[in-house]
């Protein structure tokens, strides 16, 4: 039975701890430890889930087999490399790292240590998308909106790496992971912080597919919707309500003109983060390729960084760059 731990028990890390404890209660693993540099917080979470607290992730080496890593992005590479090289499997929250060089180091550390590296792109486990995936073939045009209300979380990164990266990953996955993005135009602006808070990107792929993606973390409501077209189909996904539907033309018995038929897909009610963690532990136990590998996370990061480069080029022209950090 795998011994598990959670490193970083802020908002998202606490959800990892909750699920890891639940899986252990079912006898699927042994949840042993939580780690955070905030001693008060780590003691509270450890007490809640009957785990051992520590403020130093290095003390976990030799004591655990698999960890959820939910620390700020700037610490992903250092901690993940240390664990992976020691043979400990790592589920790291997205984005995989700050830079491509760091992502490559993490992937190499996993290979060196014979350990699984999975990246936390949880939308791949959204039940609506899971139900839809077998019906996707040759998507042509995407219109995607991901809007959230402002919070004080994840302000160490831009909205592209915070929110839009989910959709960059999904679009690449649906279009084809080996299909090149041959054109990209993006704009963005700081609103409440000194980083990009709202952005729009238009991507064109070698297959001819086009994706228009809007992301904002300063909205007045929460929106997580994707609509796209493929030959003969119009598809809608609402990540919040777990809705997925496919509309297409169907012959009508009462008329020579075809009618429109909408199929609402049957969706299993599963928490995406739990499905993600279960998938990770299964890959770690079997030594199989994870659903979202380090290479997948690297590919999403590369497209996100390319998007940010385009945004910074645009802000330099518009004069907005003076308000941006690290523009």
Protein backbone atom coordinates (compact mmCIF):
# COMPACT_ATOMS: atom_id res chain seq x y z
CA UNK A 1 0.00 0.00 0.00
CA UNK A 2 1.41 3.36 -1.05
CA UNK A 3 2.33 5.88 1.63
CA UNK A 4 1.16 9.34 0.59
CA UNK A 5 1.67 12.95 1.66
CA UNK A 6 0.61 16.46 0.67
CA UNK A 7 3.19 19.23 0.42
CA UNK A 8 1.70 22.70 0.61
CA UNK A 9 -1.62 22.90 2.44
CA UNK A 10 -2.98 26.25 1.33
CA UNK A 11 -6.45 26.39 -0.24
CA UNK A 12 -5.88 23.79 -2.95
CA UNK A 13 -3.47 21.67 -0.91
CA UNK A 14 -6.13 21.26 1.77
CA UNK A 15 -8.43 19.76 -0.85
CA UNK A 16 -5.67 17.30 -1.77
CA UNK A 17 -5.32 16.42 1.92
CA UNK A 18 -9.07 15.86 2.25
CA UNK A 19 -9.13 13.49 -0.70
CA UNK A 20 -5.91 11.69 0.25
CA UNK A 21 -7.37 11.09 3.73
CA UNK A 22 -10.63 9.80 2.21
CA UNK A 23 -8.77 7.37 -0.05
CA UNK A 24 -6.75 6.14 2.92
CA UNK A 25 -9.97 5.63 4.90
CA UNK A 26 -11.14 3.35 2.09
CA UNK A 27 -7.95 1.31 2.37
CA UNK A 28 -6.64 2.50 -1.02
CA UNK A 29 -3.50 4.12 0.39
CA UNK A 30 -1.84 5.16 3.63
CA UNK A 31 -2.00 8.92 4.17
CA UNK A 32 0.96 9.63 6.42
CA UNK A 33 2.05 13.28 6.30
CA UNK A 34 1.34 16.90 5.46
CA UNK A 35 4.03 19.51 4.92
CA UNK A 36 3.93 23.30 4.89
CA UNK A 37 6.33 26.06 5.91
CA UNK A 38 3.52 27.58 8.01
CA UNK A 39 3.77 25.56 11.24
CA UNK A 40 0.39 26.68 12.58
CA UNK A 41 -1.41 25.77 9.38
CA UNK A 42 0.33 22.42 8.92
CA UNK A 43 -0.42 21.39 12.49
CA UNK A 44 -4.08 22.26 12.04
CA UNK A 45 -4.42 20.26 8.81
CA UNK A 46 -2.41 17.33 10.20
CA UNK A 47 -4.67 17.21 13.24
CA UNK A 48 -7.80 17.34 11.08
CA UNK A 49 -6.75 14.37 8.96
CA UNK A 50 -4.72 12.39 11.49
CA UNK A 51 -1.42 12.83 9.63
CA UNK A 52 2.10 13.69 10.73
CA UNK A 53 3.05 17.37 10.32
CA UNK A 54 6.40 18.65 9.04
CA UNK A 55 7.71 21.98 7.83
CA UNK A 56 10.56 20.46 5.78
CA UNK A 57 9.72 18.38 2.71
CA UNK A 58 13.14 16.70 2.83
CA UNK A 59 12.09 14.77 5.94
CA UNK A 60 9.57 12.88 3.80
CA UNK A 61 12.24 11.15 1.69
CA UNK A 62 12.32 7.48 2.59
CA UNK A 63 8.99 7.76 4.43
CA UNK A 64 6.51 8.20 1.57
CA UNK A 65 5.96 6.76 -1.90
CA UNK A 66 3.79 9.42 -3.58
CA UNK A 67 2.99 13.07 -2.91
CA UNK A 68 0.66 15.83 -4.02
CA UNK A 69 2.71 19.00 -4.52
CA UNK A 70 0.62 22.16 -4.13
CA UNK A 71 3.18 24.82 -3.28
CA UNK A 72 3.67 28.12 -5.18
CA UNK A 73 4.92 27.60 -8.75
CA UNK A 74 8.32 29.08 -7.97
CA UNK A 75 9.05 26.10 -5.68
CA UNK A 76 7.80 23.33 -7.96
CA UNK A 77 11.12 22.53 -9.60
CA UNK A 78 13.30 22.37 -6.50
CA UNK A 79 10.94 20.19 -4.48
CA UNK A 80 9.75 17.96 -7.33
CA UNK A 81 13.29 17.26 -8.53
CA UNK A 82 14.42 16.31 -5.03
CA UNK A 83 11.50 13.92 -4.59
CA UNK A 84 11.53 12.41 -8.08
CA UNK A 85 15.27 11.76 -7.99
CA UNK A 86 14.67 9.89 -4.73
CA UNK A 87 12.10 7.66 -6.43
CA UNK A 88 9.00 9.38 -4.99
CA UNK A 89 6.08 9.83 -7.38
CA UNK A 90 4.84 13.42 -7.71
CA UNK A 91 1.50 14.93 -8.68
CA UNK A 92 2.38 18.61 -9.16
CA UNK A 93 -0.27 21.28 -9.52
CA UNK A 94 -0.36 23.27 -12.75
CA UNK A 95 1.53 24.98 -14.20
CA UNK A 96 4.27 22.37 -14.09
CA UNK A 97 6.90 25.08 -13.48
CA UNK A 98 7.87 28.66 -14.25
CA UNK A 99 10.09 27.87 -17.24
CA UNK A 100 10.64 25.20 -19.88
CA UNK A 101 14.12 24.60 -18.46
CA UNK A 102 12.62 23.83 -15.06
CA UNK A 103 10.04 21.52 -16.64
CA UNK A 104 12.82 19.64 -18.44
CA UNK A 105 14.72 19.23 -15.17
CA UNK A 106 11.63 17.80 -13.50
CA UNK A 107 10.98 15.35 -16.33
CA UNK A 108 14.63 14.27 -16.27
CA UNK A 109 14.52 13.79 -12.48
CA UNK A 110 11.52 11.50 -12.86
CA UNK A 111 13.36 9.42 -15.45
CA UNK A 112 16.46 9.30 -13.26
CA UNK A 113 14.55 8.21 -10.18
CA UNK A 114 12.16 5.88 -11.99
CA UNK A 115 9.26 7.90 -10.60
CA UNK A 116 5.95 9.08 -12.09
CA UNK A 117 5.47 12.80 -12.71
CA UNK A 118 1.85 13.82 -13.26
CA UNK A 119 0.69 17.42 -13.76
CA UNK A 120 -2.53 18.68 -12.20
CA UNK A 121 -4.58 19.69 -15.21
CA UNK A 122 -7.77 18.64 -13.45
CA UNK A 123 -10.13 19.68 -16.27
CA UNK A 124 -9.10 16.56 -18.17
CA UNK A 125 -10.90 14.68 -15.42
CA UNK A 126 -14.04 16.81 -15.52
CA UNK A 127 -16.88 14.29 -15.98
CA UNK A 128 -18.50 16.33 -18.77
CA UNK A 129 -15.28 16.30 -20.77
CA UNK A 130 -14.65 12.63 -20.01
CA UNK A 131 -18.10 11.80 -21.41
CA UNK A 132 -17.52 13.96 -24.47
CA UNK A 133 -13.98 12.91 -25.41
CA UNK A 134 -14.95 9.76 -27.42
CA UNK A 135 -17.22 11.91 -29.63
CA UNK A 136 -14.54 14.44 -30.61
CA UNK A 137 -13.14 14.20 -34.15
CA UNK A 138 -11.51 16.94 -36.17
CA UNK A 139 -12.64 20.02 -34.20
CA UNK A 140 -12.49 23.17 -36.33
CA UNK A 141 -13.39 26.19 -34.19
CA UNK A 142 -13.42 26.72 -30.40
CA UNK A 143 -14.96 29.56 -28.39
CA UNK A 144 -13.95 29.31 -24.73
CA UNK A 145 -14.64 31.51 -21.72
CA UNK A 146 -13.10 30.97 -18.28
CA UNK A 147 -13.98 33.77 -15.87
CA UNK A 148 -13.63 33.87 -12.11
CA UNK A 149 -14.24 36.36 -9.36
CA UNK A 150 -11.19 38.00 -7.86
CA UNK A 151 -9.50 36.26 -4.93
CA UNK A 152 -6.16 36.71 -3.23
CA UNK A 153 -4.95 33.28 -4.39
CA UNK A 154 -2.44 32.54 -7.18
CA UNK A 155 -1.40 36.16 -7.53
CA UNK A 156 2.21 35.06 -8.02
CA UNK A 157 1.34 34.17 -11.63
CA UNK A 158 -0.56 35.78 -14.52
CA UNK A 159 -4.10 34.77 -15.45
CA UNK A 160 -2.65 32.88 -18.43
CA UNK A 161 -0.75 30.51 -16.13
CA UNK A 162 -3.49 30.58 -13.51
CA UNK A 163 -6.65 29.99 -15.57
CA UNK A 164 -6.11 30.04 -19.34
CA UNK A 165 -3.56 27.22 -19.21
CA UNK A 166 -6.43 24.80 -18.47
CA UNK A 167 -7.99 25.60 -21.83
CA UNK A 168 -4.70 25.71 -23.71
CA UNK A 169 -4.12 22.15 -22.48
CA UNK A 170 -7.64 20.98 -23.38
CA UNK A 171 -7.55 22.47 -26.88
CA UNK A 172 -4.17 20.86 -27.64
CA UNK A 173 -5.50 17.55 -26.29
CA UNK A 174 -8.64 17.67 -28.46
CA UNK A 175 -6.97 18.97 -31.61
CA UNK A 176 -4.10 16.49 -31.27
CA UNK A 177 -1.13 16.68 -28.94
CA UNK A 178 1.33 16.45 -31.83
CA UNK A 179 -0.39 19.13 -33.91
CA UNK A 180 1.62 22.34 -34.10
CA UNK A 181 0.18 25.72 -33.18
CA UNK A 182 1.24 27.74 -36.24
CA UNK A 183 -0.31 31.08 -35.31
CA UNK A 184 -0.98 32.90 -32.07
CA UNK A 185 -2.18 36.40 -31.27
CA UNK A 186 -2.92 37.47 -27.71
CA UNK A 187 -3.77 40.57 -25.72
CA UNK A 188 -4.03 41.10 -21.98
CA UNK A 189 -4.15 43.74 -19.31
CA UNK A 190 -3.49 44.24 -15.60
CA UNK A 191 -6.62 45.37 -13.75
CA UNK A 192 -6.37 44.78 -10.01
CA UNK A 193 -2.79 43.51 -9.79
CA UNK A 194 0.57 44.21 -11.47
CA UNK A 195 0.22 41.04 -13.55
CA UNK A 196 -2.10 40.15 -16.44
CA UNK A 197 -5.58 39.70 -14.95
CA UNK A 198 -7.61 39.35 -18.15
CA UNK A 199 -6.49 37.98 -21.51
CA UNK A 200 -7.68 36.78 -24.88
CA UNK A 201 -5.78 34.48 -27.22
CA UNK A 202 -6.50 33.34 -30.75
CA UNK A 203 -4.66 30.19 -31.79
CA UNK A 204 -4.44 28.52 -35.18
CA UNK A 205 -3.25 24.94 -35.57
CA UNK A 206 -1.70 23.09 -38.49
CA UNK A 207 -4.98 21.15 -39.01
CA UNK A 208 -6.79 24.44 -39.64
CA UNK A 209 -8.45 24.43 -36.23
CA UNK A 210 -8.85 27.83 -34.57
CA UNK A 211 -9.41 28.52 -30.88
CA UNK A 212 -10.51 31.80 -29.34
CA UNK A 213 -9.90 31.71 -25.57
CA UNK A 214 -10.83 34.37 -23.01
CA UNK A 215 -9.70 34.20 -19.39
CA UNK A 216 -10.31 36.65 -16.56
CA UNK A 217 -9.94 36.54 -12.80
CA UNK A 218 -11.77 39.82 -12.19
CA UNK A 219 -15.26 38.85 -13.32
CA UNK A 220 -18.55 39.41 -11.50
CA UNK A 221 -19.59 35.79 -12.07
CA UNK A 222 -17.96 32.42 -12.59
CA UNK A 223 -18.01 31.01 -16.12
CA UNK A 224 -16.37 27.82 -17.35
CA UNK A 225 -17.75 27.16 -20.83
CA UNK A 226 -16.39 25.69 -24.04
CA UNK A 227 -18.23 25.58 -27.35
CA UNK A 228 -16.78 24.14 -30.53
CA UNK A 229 -17.67 22.97 -33.99
CA UNK A 230 -16.59 19.90 -35.89
CA UNK A 231 -18.01 18.58 -39.17
CA UNK A 232 -21.79 18.23 -38.65
CA UNK A 233 -21.62 18.84 -34.87
CA UNK A 234 -21.99 21.78 -32.51
CA UNK A 235 -20.71 20.88 -29.04
CA UNK A 236 -21.23 22.62 -25.70
CA UNK A 237 -19.44 21.89 -22.43
CA UNK A 238 -20.17 23.63 -19.13
CA UNK A 239 -17.52 22.59 -16.61
CA UNK A 240 -19.45 24.08 -13.68
CA UNK A 241 -22.71 22.22 -14.26
CA UNK A 242 -21.14 19.07 -15.73
CA UNK A 243 -23.18 19.53 -18.90
CA UNK A 244 -22.11 18.24 -22.31
CA UNK A 245 -24.27 18.22 -25.42
CA UNK A 246 -23.89 17.55 -29.14
CA UNK A 247 -26.24 19.16 -31.66
CA UNK A 248 -26.43 18.12 -35.29
CA UNK A 249 -28.79 17.82 -38.22
CA UNK A 250 -31.22 14.92 -38.24
CA UNK A 251 -33.75 13.89 -40.87
CA UNK A 252 -37.34 14.76 -40.00
CA UNK A 253 -40.15 12.31 -40.74
CA UNK A 254 -42.65 15.15 -41.15
CA UNK A 255 -40.63 17.29 -43.55
CA UNK A 256 -38.11 16.91 -46.36
CA UNK A 257 -35.97 19.45 -44.49
CA UNK A 258 -33.72 18.14 -41.74
CA UNK A 259 -34.30 19.13 -38.13
CA UNK A 260 -31.86 19.77 -35.31
CA UNK A 261 -31.21 17.01 -32.81
CA UNK A 262 -29.47 17.70 -29.48
CA UNK A 263 -28.00 14.83 -27.52
CA UNK A 264 -27.29 15.54 -23.87
CA UNK A 265 -24.55 13.17 -22.79
CA UNK A 266 -24.85 11.05 -19.68
CA UNK A 267 -22.27 12.35 -17.22
CA UNK A 268 -20.95 10.51 -14.18
CA UNK A 269 -20.99 12.62 -11.01
CA UNK A 270 -17.32 12.44 -10.01
CA UNK A 271 -15.18 15.11 -8.36
CA UNK A 272 -12.44 15.92 -10.90
CA UNK A 273 -9.70 16.36 -8.28
CA UNK A 274 -10.51 13.00 -6.71
CA UNK A 275 -10.46 11.32 -10.15
CA UNK A 276 -7.13 13.00 -10.83
CA UNK A 277 -5.56 11.79 -7.58
CA UNK A 278 -6.93 8.26 -8.02
CA UNK A 279 -5.51 8.20 -11.56
CA UNK A 280 -2.14 9.38 -10.23
CA UNK A 281 -1.97 6.71 -7.53
CA UNK A 282 -2.93 4.04 -10.05
CA UNK A 283 -0.20 5.14 -12.46
CA UNK A 284 2.29 5.20 -9.58
CA UNK A 285 1.28 1.69 -8.49
CA UNK A 286 1.42 0.25 -12.02
CA UNK A 287 4.34 2.25 -13.36
CA UNK A 288 2.11 3.30 -16.25
CA UNK A 289 2.04 6.59 -18.16
CA UNK A 290 -0.10 9.13 -16.28
CA UNK A 291 -3.10 10.72 -17.98
CA UNK A 292 -1.32 14.08 -17.87
CA UNK A 293 2.42 13.42 -18.04
CA UNK A 294 5.29 15.79 -17.44
CA UNK A 295 5.60 16.14 -21.20
CA UNK A 296 1.91 17.15 -21.41
CA UNK A 297 2.43 19.74 -18.70
CA UNK A 298 5.51 21.03 -20.50
CA UNK A 299 3.56 21.38 -23.75
CA UNK A 300 0.80 23.38 -22.02
CA UNK A 301 3.40 25.58 -20.32
CA UNK A 302 5.19 26.24 -23.60
CA UNK A 303 1.97 27.46 -25.21
CA UNK A 304 1.11 29.56 -22.14
CA UNK A 305 4.54 31.23 -22.14
CA UNK A 306 4.23 31.87 -25.86
CA UNK A 307 0.85 33.51 -25.17
CA UNK A 308 2.38 35.69 -22.48
CA UNK A 309 5.16 36.76 -24.85
CA UNK A 310 2.52 37.91 -27.33
CA UNK A 311 0.66 39.78 -24.58
CA UNK A 312 3.81 41.56 -23.43
CA UNK A 313 4.62 42.55 -27.00
CA UNK A 314 1.15 44.05 -27.33
CA UNK A 315 1.29 45.86 -23.97
CA UNK A 316 4.64 47.39 -24.95
CA UNK A 317 2.98 48.93 -28.00
CA UNK A 318 -0.05 50.15 -26.06
CA UNK A 319 1.89 51.57 -23.13
CA UNK A 320 0.25 49.19 -20.66
CA UNK A 321 3.56 47.46 -19.92
CA UNK A 322 4.43 50.18 -17.42
CA UNK A 323 1.80 48.69 -15.13
CA UNK A 324 3.01 45.10 -15.46
CA UNK A 325 5.47 43.21 -13.29
CA UNK A 326 8.18 41.39 -15.28
CA UNK A 327 6.74 42.63 -18.57
